[in-house]
């Protein structure tokens, strides 16, 4: 009977350890935030990669801080019309020119639907 109880306790302890390890792995992966350096996302090894997320975030930051444009990252991210509006105002700026290229020279914007 003692062996049975100790086996049961060992199994419970092993399962608890696995559950804790699994939960900590899940938590650390889920809490990993996207890190941007300007318009570029920093991927493992701190290599910069141009991503729409970081480009939109950078556009909002330049618009607000340098030009006083009333906008936000969420507004630009969720509305192509807002992105177009901001780009038509500040798209000439060398920092965001490549982000706004689709809205320059009479273009109507990217073909995203």
N, C-alpha and C. Protein backbone atom coordinates (compact mmCIF):
# COMPACT_ATOMS: atom_id res chain seq x y z
N UNK A 1 0.82 -1.19 0.00
CA UNK A 1 0.00 0.00 0.00
C UNK A 1 0.86 1.25 0.00
N UNK A 2 1.98 1.22 0.71
CA UNK A 2 2.86 2.37 0.77
C UNK A 2 3.46 2.67 -0.59
N UNK A 3 3.84 1.60 -1.33
CA UNK A 3 4.39 1.79 -2.66
C UNK A 3 3.37 2.45 -3.57
N UNK A 4 2.14 2.06 -3.48
CA UNK A 4 1.07 2.61 -4.32
C UNK A 4 0.89 4.11 -4.05
N UNK A 5 0.89 4.49 -2.78
CA UNK A 5 0.75 5.91 -2.43
C UNK A 5 1.94 6.73 -2.90
N UNK A 6 3.15 6.17 -2.77
CA UNK A 6 4.33 6.93 -3.19
C UNK A 6 4.37 7.06 -4.72
N UNK A 7 3.91 6.03 -5.43
CA UNK A 7 3.83 6.12 -6.89
C UNK A 7 2.83 7.19 -7.30
N UNK A 8 1.70 7.19 -6.61
CA UNK A 8 0.66 8.18 -6.90
C UNK A 8 1.19 9.59 -6.64
N UNK A 9 1.89 9.77 -5.54
CA UNK A 9 2.46 11.08 -5.21
C UNK A 9 3.50 11.49 -6.25
N UNK A 10 4.31 10.54 -6.70
CA UNK A 10 5.32 10.82 -7.71
C UNK A 10 4.67 11.22 -9.04
N UNK A 11 3.61 10.51 -9.41
CA UNK A 11 2.89 10.85 -10.65
C UNK A 11 2.28 12.24 -10.55
N UNK A 12 1.69 12.55 -9.41
CA UNK A 12 1.09 13.87 -9.23
C UNK A 12 2.14 14.97 -9.29
N UNK A 13 3.28 14.72 -8.65
CA UNK A 13 4.36 15.71 -8.66
C UNK A 13 4.89 15.91 -10.08
N UNK A 14 5.03 14.81 -10.82
CA UNK A 14 5.51 14.90 -12.21
C UNK A 14 4.54 15.67 -13.08
N UNK A 15 3.26 15.38 -12.93
CA UNK A 15 2.24 16.09 -13.71
C UNK A 15 2.21 17.57 -13.36
N UNK A 16 2.35 17.87 -12.08
CA UNK A 16 2.36 19.27 -11.65
C UNK A 16 3.57 20.00 -12.24
N UNK A 17 4.72 19.35 -12.24
CA UNK A 17 5.93 19.96 -12.81
C UNK A 17 5.76 20.21 -14.30
N UNK A 18 5.18 19.24 -15.00
CA UNK A 18 4.93 19.41 -16.44
C UNK A 18 3.95 20.54 -16.70
N UNK A 19 2.93 20.63 -15.89
CA UNK A 19 1.93 21.70 -16.06
C UNK A 19 2.56 23.07 -15.84
N UNK A 20 3.39 23.18 -14.82
CA UNK A 20 4.05 24.46 -14.54
C UNK A 20 5.01 24.82 -15.67
N UNK A 21 5.78 23.85 -16.13
CA UNK A 21 6.73 24.11 -17.23
C UNK A 21 5.98 24.51 -18.49
N UNK A 22 4.90 23.81 -18.78
CA UNK A 22 4.10 24.15 -19.96
C UNK A 22 3.48 25.52 -19.86
N UNK A 23 2.98 25.86 -18.69
CA UNK A 23 2.35 27.18 -18.49
C UNK A 23 3.38 28.29 -18.62
N UNK A 24 4.58 28.08 -18.09
CA UNK A 24 5.59 29.14 -18.19
C UNK A 24 6.05 29.31 -19.63
N UNK A 25 6.13 28.23 -20.39
CA UNK A 25 6.49 28.33 -21.80
C UNK A 25 5.41 29.07 -22.56
N UNK A 26 4.16 28.74 -22.30
CA UNK A 26 3.05 29.41 -22.98
C UNK A 26 3.01 30.88 -22.64
N UNK A 27 3.20 31.21 -21.38
CA UNK A 27 3.15 32.60 -20.94
C UNK A 27 4.26 33.42 -21.57
N UNK A 28 5.47 32.88 -21.59
CA UNK A 28 6.58 33.65 -22.15
C UNK A 28 6.40 33.87 -23.64
N UNK A 29 5.86 32.90 -24.36
CA UNK A 29 5.62 33.07 -25.79
C UNK A 29 4.51 34.06 -26.06
N UNK A 30 3.47 34.03 -25.25
CA UNK A 30 2.32 34.91 -25.47
C UNK A 30 2.64 36.35 -25.10
N UNK A 31 3.55 36.54 -24.17
CA UNK A 31 3.84 37.90 -23.74
C UNK A 31 4.94 38.56 -24.57
N UNK A 32 5.51 37.82 -25.50
CA UNK A 32 6.55 38.39 -26.35
C UNK A 32 5.95 39.47 -27.22
N UNK A 33 6.45 40.68 -27.07
CA UNK A 33 5.92 41.82 -27.82
C UNK A 33 6.76 42.04 -29.07
N UNK A 34 6.13 42.63 -30.06
CA UNK A 34 6.85 43.01 -31.26
C UNK A 34 7.72 44.21 -30.91
N UNK A 35 8.99 44.13 -31.22
CA UNK A 35 9.92 45.23 -30.95
C UNK A 35 10.27 45.92 -32.26
N UNK A 36 10.06 47.21 -32.28
CA UNK A 36 10.34 47.99 -33.49
C UNK A 36 11.50 48.95 -33.24
N UNK A 37 12.26 49.18 -34.29
CA UNK A 37 13.28 50.22 -34.31
C UNK A 37 12.96 51.08 -35.53
N UNK A 38 12.24 52.16 -35.29
CA UNK A 38 11.74 52.96 -36.41
C UNK A 38 10.70 52.16 -37.18
N UNK A 39 10.88 52.05 -38.47
CA UNK A 39 9.93 51.33 -39.32
C UNK A 39 10.26 49.84 -39.43
N UNK A 40 11.25 49.38 -38.67
CA UNK A 40 11.71 48.00 -38.79
C UNK A 40 11.47 47.21 -37.53
N UNK A 41 11.04 45.96 -37.72
CA UNK A 41 10.87 45.05 -36.59
C UNK A 41 12.19 44.36 -36.32
N UNK A 42 12.54 44.26 -35.05
CA UNK A 42 13.76 43.56 -34.67
C UNK A 42 13.42 42.09 -34.44
N UNK A 43 13.98 41.23 -35.26
CA UNK A 43 13.74 39.79 -35.15
C UNK A 43 14.92 39.17 -34.41
N UNK A 44 14.84 37.90 -34.04
CA UNK A 44 15.94 37.28 -33.29
C UNK A 44 17.30 37.58 -33.92
N UNK A 45 18.22 37.93 -33.07
CA UNK A 45 19.54 38.36 -33.52
C UNK A 45 19.58 39.86 -33.77
N UNK A 46 18.49 40.55 -33.38
CA UNK A 46 18.34 42.00 -33.58
C UNK A 46 18.53 42.42 -35.03
N UNK A 47 18.06 41.57 -35.95
CA UNK A 47 18.10 41.92 -37.37
C UNK A 47 16.85 42.73 -37.69
N UNK A 48 16.99 43.86 -38.38
CA UNK A 48 15.82 44.67 -38.74
C UNK A 48 15.13 44.13 -39.99
N UNK A 49 13.80 44.01 -39.90
CA UNK A 49 12.99 43.56 -41.03
C UNK A 49 11.82 44.54 -41.16
N UNK A 50 11.60 45.03 -42.36
CA UNK A 50 10.49 45.96 -42.58
C UNK A 50 9.17 45.20 -42.50
N UNK A 51 8.29 45.64 -41.60
CA UNK A 51 6.98 45.00 -41.45
C UNK A 51 5.89 46.07 -41.45
N UNK A 52 4.70 45.73 -41.94
CA UNK A 52 3.60 46.71 -41.93
C UNK A 52 3.28 47.23 -40.53
N UNK A 53 3.38 46.38 -39.53
CA UNK A 53 3.09 46.79 -38.15
C UNK A 53 4.01 47.93 -37.73
N UNK A 54 5.30 47.74 -37.86
CA UNK A 54 6.27 48.76 -37.43
C UNK A 54 6.22 49.99 -38.33
N UNK A 55 5.96 49.80 -39.61
CA UNK A 55 5.86 50.94 -40.52
C UNK A 55 4.69 51.82 -40.13
N UNK A 56 3.54 51.23 -39.83
CA UNK A 56 2.37 52.01 -39.41
C UNK A 56 2.62 52.72 -38.08
N UNK A 57 3.27 52.03 -37.18
CA UNK A 57 3.58 52.62 -35.88
C UNK A 57 4.53 53.82 -36.03
N UNK A 58 5.51 53.67 -36.90
CA UNK A 58 6.47 54.75 -37.13
C UNK A 58 5.80 55.93 -37.82
N UNK A 59 4.93 55.66 -38.78
CA UNK A 59 4.19 56.73 -39.46
C UNK A 59 3.39 57.54 -38.45
N UNK A 60 2.70 56.88 -37.56
CA UNK A 60 1.91 57.57 -36.53
C UNK A 60 2.81 58.42 -35.63
N UNK A 61 3.95 57.87 -35.25
CA UNK A 61 4.87 58.60 -34.37
C UNK A 61 5.41 59.86 -35.04
N UNK A 62 5.85 59.74 -36.29
CA UNK A 62 6.38 60.91 -37.01
C UNK A 62 5.28 61.95 -37.21
N UNK A 63 4.09 61.49 -37.56
CA UNK A 63 2.97 62.42 -37.79
C UNK A 63 2.64 63.21 -36.53
N UNK A 64 2.57 62.53 -35.39
CA UNK A 64 2.22 63.20 -34.13
C UNK A 64 3.35 64.09 -33.63
N UNK A 65 4.54 63.54 -33.54
CA UNK A 65 5.65 64.26 -32.90
C UNK A 65 6.23 65.38 -33.75
N UNK A 66 6.36 65.15 -35.04
CA UNK A 66 7.03 66.15 -35.89
C UNK A 66 6.07 67.12 -36.55
N UNK A 67 4.82 66.70 -36.75
CA UNK A 67 3.88 67.54 -37.48
C UNK A 67 2.64 67.90 -36.69
N UNK A 68 2.47 67.32 -35.52
CA UNK A 68 1.30 67.62 -34.70
C UNK A 68 0.00 67.10 -35.27
N UNK A 69 0.08 66.10 -36.13
CA UNK A 69 -1.13 65.52 -36.74
C UNK A 69 -1.88 64.73 -35.68
N UNK A 70 -3.18 64.95 -35.63
CA UNK A 70 -4.02 64.22 -34.68
C UNK A 70 -4.36 62.86 -35.27
N UNK A 71 -3.60 61.85 -34.87
CA UNK A 71 -3.82 60.48 -35.33
C UNK A 71 -3.23 59.54 -34.29
N UNK A 72 -3.39 58.26 -34.52
CA UNK A 72 -2.83 57.26 -33.61
C UNK A 72 -2.41 56.05 -34.41
N UNK A 73 -1.60 55.22 -33.79
CA UNK A 73 -1.19 53.97 -34.43
C UNK A 73 -2.41 53.13 -34.75
N UNK A 74 -3.34 53.01 -33.80
CA UNK A 74 -4.54 52.19 -34.02
C UNK A 74 -5.37 52.72 -35.18
N UNK A 75 -5.50 54.04 -35.27
CA UNK A 75 -6.29 54.63 -36.35
C UNK A 75 -5.66 54.33 -37.71
N UNK A 76 -4.35 54.46 -37.80
CA UNK A 76 -3.65 54.18 -39.06
C UNK A 76 -3.71 52.70 -39.37
N UNK A 77 -3.53 51.88 -38.37
CA UNK A 77 -3.52 50.42 -38.56
C UNK A 77 -4.89 49.90 -38.99
N UNK A 78 -5.95 50.50 -38.50
CA UNK A 78 -7.30 49.99 -38.75
C UNK A 78 -8.04 50.67 -39.89
N UNK A 79 -7.46 51.72 -40.46
CA UNK A 79 -8.18 52.46 -41.50
C UNK A 79 -7.23 52.90 -42.61
N UNK A 80 -7.40 52.34 -43.78
CA UNK A 80 -6.57 52.74 -44.92
C UNK A 80 -6.83 54.20 -45.27
N UNK A 81 -8.04 54.67 -44.99
CA UNK A 81 -8.35 56.08 -45.26
C UNK A 81 -7.54 57.00 -44.35
N UNK A 82 -7.39 56.60 -43.09
CA UNK A 82 -6.58 57.41 -42.16
C UNK A 82 -5.12 57.40 -42.58
N UNK A 83 -4.64 56.25 -42.99
CA UNK A 83 -3.25 56.17 -43.45
C UNK A 83 -3.05 57.06 -44.67
N UNK A 84 -4.00 57.03 -45.58
CA UNK A 84 -3.92 57.88 -46.78
C UNK A 84 -3.93 59.36 -46.38
N UNK A 85 -4.81 59.72 -45.46
CA UNK A 85 -4.90 61.12 -45.01
C UNK A 85 -3.57 61.60 -44.44
N UNK A 86 -2.98 60.79 -43.58
CA UNK A 86 -1.71 61.16 -42.96
C UNK A 86 -0.60 61.20 -44.02
N UNK A 87 -0.59 60.24 -44.91
CA UNK A 87 0.45 60.20 -45.94
C UNK A 87 0.35 61.39 -46.89
N UNK A 88 -0.85 61.83 -47.19
CA UNK A 88 -1.00 62.99 -48.07
C UNK A 88 -0.46 64.26 -47.39
N UNK A 89 -0.51 64.29 -46.06
CA UNK A 89 0.00 65.45 -45.32
C UNK A 89 1.52 65.42 -45.16
N UNK A 90 2.07 64.26 -44.81
CA UNK A 90 3.49 64.21 -44.45
C UNK A 90 4.31 63.26 -45.30
N UNK A 91 3.74 62.69 -46.34
CA UNK A 91 4.43 61.70 -47.17
C UNK A 91 5.69 62.22 -47.83
N UNK A 92 5.86 63.52 -47.90
CA UNK A 92 7.06 64.10 -48.49
C UNK A 92 8.28 63.95 -47.58
N UNK A 93 8.05 63.70 -46.29
CA UNK A 93 9.14 63.57 -45.31
C UNK A 93 9.96 62.31 -45.64
N UNK A 94 11.28 62.47 -45.70
CA UNK A 94 12.15 61.35 -46.06
C UNK A 94 12.03 60.16 -45.12
N UNK A 95 11.59 60.39 -43.87
CA UNK A 95 11.47 59.29 -42.91
C UNK A 95 10.31 58.36 -43.22
N UNK A 96 9.27 58.88 -43.89
CA UNK A 96 8.08 58.07 -44.15
C UNK A 96 7.75 57.97 -45.64
N UNK A 97 8.61 58.53 -46.49
CA UNK A 97 8.33 58.55 -47.92
C UNK A 97 8.08 57.15 -48.48
N UNK A 98 8.89 56.18 -48.10
CA UNK A 98 8.70 54.82 -48.61
C UNK A 98 7.43 54.18 -48.05
N UNK A 99 7.01 54.57 -46.86
CA UNK A 99 5.78 54.04 -46.27
C UNK A 99 4.57 54.59 -47.02
N UNK A 100 4.68 55.83 -47.47
CA UNK A 100 3.55 56.52 -48.11
C UNK A 100 3.60 56.51 -49.63
N UNK A 101 4.51 55.77 -50.22
CA UNK A 101 4.70 55.82 -51.67
C UNK A 101 3.42 55.49 -52.43
N UNK A 102 2.59 54.61 -51.91
CA UNK A 102 1.35 54.23 -52.60
C UNK A 102 0.34 55.36 -52.65
N UNK A 103 0.52 56.37 -51.83
CA UNK A 103 -0.43 57.48 -51.78
C UNK A 103 0.11 58.75 -52.42
N UNK A 104 1.27 58.66 -53.04
CA UNK A 104 1.89 59.82 -53.69
C UNK A 104 1.60 59.80 -55.19
N UNK A 105 1.78 60.92 -55.82
CA UNK A 105 1.66 61.06 -57.28
C UNK A 105 0.32 60.59 -57.82
N UNK A 106 -0.74 60.86 -57.10
CA UNK A 106 -2.07 60.55 -57.60
C UNK A 106 -2.46 59.09 -57.52
N UNK A 107 -1.64 58.27 -56.90
CA UNK A 107 -2.02 56.87 -56.74
C UNK A 107 -3.17 56.79 -55.74
N UNK A 108 -3.97 55.78 -55.88
CA UNK A 108 -5.15 55.69 -55.01
C UNK A 108 -4.93 54.80 -53.80
N UNK A 109 -3.76 54.28 -53.62
CA UNK A 109 -3.49 53.44 -52.46
C UNK A 109 -3.24 52.00 -52.86
N UNK A 110 -2.82 51.19 -51.91
CA UNK A 110 -2.51 49.80 -52.20
C UNK A 110 -3.76 49.00 -52.52
N UNK A 111 -3.58 47.97 -53.29
CA UNK A 111 -4.71 47.10 -53.64
C UNK A 111 -4.89 46.04 -52.57
N UNK A 112 -5.34 46.47 -51.42
CA UNK A 112 -5.56 45.57 -50.29
C UNK A 112 -7.04 45.57 -49.98
N UNK A 113 -7.65 44.46 -50.04
CA UNK A 113 -9.08 44.34 -49.71
C UNK A 113 -9.32 43.02 -49.03
